[in-house]
Protein backbone atom coordinates (compact mmCIF):
# COMPACT_ATOMS: atom_id res chain seq x y z
CA MET A 1 0.00 0.00 0.00
CA PRO A 2 1.50 3.39 -0.94
CA LYS A 3 2.32 5.85 1.78
CA SER A 4 -0.21 8.59 2.44
CA PRO A 5 0.32 11.92 0.68
CA ILE A 6 0.32 13.64 4.07
CA LEU A 7 3.20 11.51 5.30
CA MET A 8 5.06 12.01 2.02
CA VAL A 9 4.68 15.78 2.30
CA LEU A 10 5.91 15.74 5.88
CA ALA A 11 8.83 13.51 4.87
CA GLY A 12 9.64 15.88 2.02
CA LEU A 13 9.66 18.80 4.41
CA LEU A 14 12.00 16.93 6.73
CA VAL A 15 14.32 15.98 3.87
CA ALA A 16 14.53 19.58 2.80
CA SER A 17 15.92 20.24 6.29
CA THR A 18 16.18 23.92 5.57
CA ALA A 19 12.94 24.82 7.28
CA SER A 20 12.93 26.24 10.74
CA THR A 21 11.44 24.28 13.62
CA ALA A 22 8.54 26.72 13.66
CA ALA A 23 7.83 26.13 9.97
CA LEU A 24 7.85 22.36 10.50
CA ALA A 25 5.53 22.71 13.46
CA GLN A 26 3.22 24.85 11.37
CA GLY A 27 3.25 22.22 8.59
CA ALA A 28 2.44 19.48 11.09
CA ALA A 29 -0.38 21.62 12.50
CA ARG A 30 -1.85 22.06 9.03
CA ALA A 31 -1.62 18.33 8.36
CA PHE A 32 -3.40 17.73 11.68
CA GLU A 33 -6.12 20.21 10.69
CA ARG A 34 -6.69 18.31 7.43
CA MET A 35 -6.96 15.04 9.32
CA ASP A 36 -9.29 16.48 11.99
CA ARG A 37 -12.32 16.39 9.69
CA ASN A 38 -14.89 17.49 12.26
CA GLY A 39 -12.66 20.19 13.81
CA ASP A 40 -12.97 18.94 17.38
CA GLY A 41 -9.21 19.03 18.04
CA VAL A 42 -8.88 15.24 18.04
CA VAL A 43 -8.18 12.90 15.14
CA GLU A 44 -10.39 9.86 15.47
CA ALA A 45 -9.94 6.51 13.73
CA ALA A 46 -13.06 7.20 11.63
CA GLU A 47 -11.51 10.45 10.33
CA VAL A 48 -8.34 8.62 9.36
CA GLN A 49 -10.42 5.99 7.56
CA GLU A 50 -12.31 8.73 5.70
CA LEU A 51 -9.03 10.31 4.60
CA ARG A 52 -7.66 6.91 3.57
CA ALA A 53 -10.80 6.22 1.52
CA GLU A 54 -10.29 9.54 -0.31
CA MET A 55 -6.63 8.71 -0.93
CA PHE A 56 -7.59 5.30 -2.29
CA GLY A 57 -10.01 6.98 -4.67
CA LYS A 58 -7.22 9.22 -5.93
CA LEU A 59 -4.81 6.29 -6.31
CA ASP A 60 -7.35 4.10 -8.13
CA ALA A 61 -7.10 6.07 -11.37
CA ASP A 62 -9.33 3.76 -13.43
CA GLY A 63 -11.93 3.39 -10.68
CA ASP A 64 -11.95 -0.42 -10.79
CA GLY A 65 -11.66 -0.78 -7.01
CA PHE A 66 -8.00 -1.84 -7.09
CA VAL A 67 -4.72 0.07 -6.97
CA THR A 68 -2.18 -1.43 -9.32
CA LYS A 69 1.55 -0.98 -9.06
CA ALA A 70 1.36 1.21 -12.18
CA GLU A 71 -1.25 3.46 -10.53
CA SER A 72 0.89 3.65 -7.40
CA GLU A 73 3.97 4.58 -9.42
CA GLU A 74 1.99 7.22 -11.32
CA ALA A 75 0.79 8.73 -8.03
CA LYS A 76 4.40 8.88 -6.80
CA ALA A 77 5.43 10.55 -10.08
CA ARG A 78 2.65 13.14 -9.74
CA PHE A 79 3.71 13.85 -6.16
CA ARG A 80 7.36 14.17 -7.26
CA GLU A 81 6.31 16.55 -10.02
CA ARG A 82 4.32 18.70 -7.57
CA LEU A 83 7.24 18.79 -5.17
CA THR A 84 10.13 19.29 -7.59
CA GLY A 85 8.52 20.57 -10.77
CA GLY A 86 9.63 17.53 -12.79
CA ARG A 87 9.19 13.78 -13.01
CA GLN A 88 12.87 12.93 -12.75
CA THR A 89 13.70 11.19 -9.48
CA LEU A 90 16.21 12.70 -7.09
CA PHE A 91 18.51 9.78 -7.90
CA GLU A 92 18.25 10.45 -11.65
CA ARG A 93 19.02 14.12 -11.10
CA ALA A 94 22.03 13.35 -8.93
CA ASP A 95 23.53 10.64 -11.19
CA ALA A 96 25.19 13.19 -13.46
CA ASP A 97 27.31 10.68 -15.38
CA GLY A 98 24.49 8.15 -15.74
CA ASP A 99 26.50 5.23 -14.35
CA GLY A 100 23.71 4.04 -12.06
CA GLN A 101 25.34 5.23 -8.86
CA VAL A 102 25.67 8.58 -7.12
CA SER A 103 29.08 9.62 -5.86
CA ARG A 104 29.54 11.98 -2.94
CA ASP A 105 30.58 14.73 -5.37
CA GLU A 106 27.52 14.18 -7.57
CA PHE A 107 25.29 14.21 -4.51
CA LEU A 108 26.74 17.47 -3.17
CA GLU A 109 26.75 19.14 -6.59
CA THR A 110 23.06 18.43 -7.21
CA GLU A 111 21.13 21.58 -6.51
CA PRO A 112 18.26 20.99 -4.09
CA VAL A 113 15.21 21.54 -6.31
CA ILE A 114 12.81 21.81 -3.40
CA PHE A 115 14.93 24.56 -1.86
CA GLN A 116 15.12 26.42 -5.17
CA ARG A 117 11.37 26.24 -5.71
CA ALA A 118 10.62 27.39 -2.18
CA ASP A 119 13.14 30.28 -2.31
CA ALA A 120 10.68 32.70 -3.93
CA ASP A 121 13.04 35.68 -4.06
CA GLY A 122 16.07 33.62 -5.11
CA ASP A 123 18.30 35.00 -2.37
CA GLY A 124 19.58 31.58 -1.27
CA ARG A 125 17.72 31.74 2.04
CA LEU A 126 14.31 30.41 3.06
CA THR A 127 12.06 32.38 5.32
CA GLU A 128 9.10 30.91 7.17
CA ALA A 129 6.85 32.94 4.84
CA GLU A 130 8.46 31.35 1.77
CA MET A 131 8.04 27.86 3.21
CA THR A 132 4.39 28.61 3.99
CA GLN A 133 3.84 29.96 0.48
CA PHE A 134 5.51 26.88 -1.05
CA ARG A 135 3.33 24.52 1.00
CA GLU A 136 0.24 26.41 -0.16
CA GLN A 137 1.36 26.09 -3.78
CA LEU A 138 1.78 22.34 -3.32
CA ARG A 139 -1.62 22.07 -1.70
CA LYS A 140 -3.29 23.91 -4.60
CA ARG A 141 -1.79 21.49 -7.14
CA ARG A 142 -3.54 18.44 -5.66
C-alpha cells in the first residue's frame, strides 16, 4: 500500500531540512487540521479511515476498485512533479554521469530543487513565509 500523501509531504519537508522548527511545526499543524475532519481538536480513527478512503479513490485512477503498481507509481510521479517541478527522481538528477550510482561529489553538486522552488526571491535563504507559500502552492496542485 502506498504511503499517504500527508506523510510524504511531511517527509519531504523533513528531507529539505532547511525549514525552521517553527515552519515544520506549522506544517504538522496544518496536516493535523486536514486530518481532523470534524474540527474537534482530536483525530479519530473514523476520520483517518475517511481520509484513507479519499486517498484510495485518488490512487485508483481507473476506478476499478483496485490500486495497481502502475497506478501507485503514477501517483508517486505526480507527487514528485508537484514537489520538484519535474518527473525525474532525485537519484536520476544526482547521477550526473548516468552510471547508475551517485558519488559523494555528484550528490553534493546536485542543486536541491525543493529549496530552489521554495526560495521565492532567489536569495539563497528560506524564510518561514516562503516555506508557507511553497506549502500552499503544493496544496493547490492536488
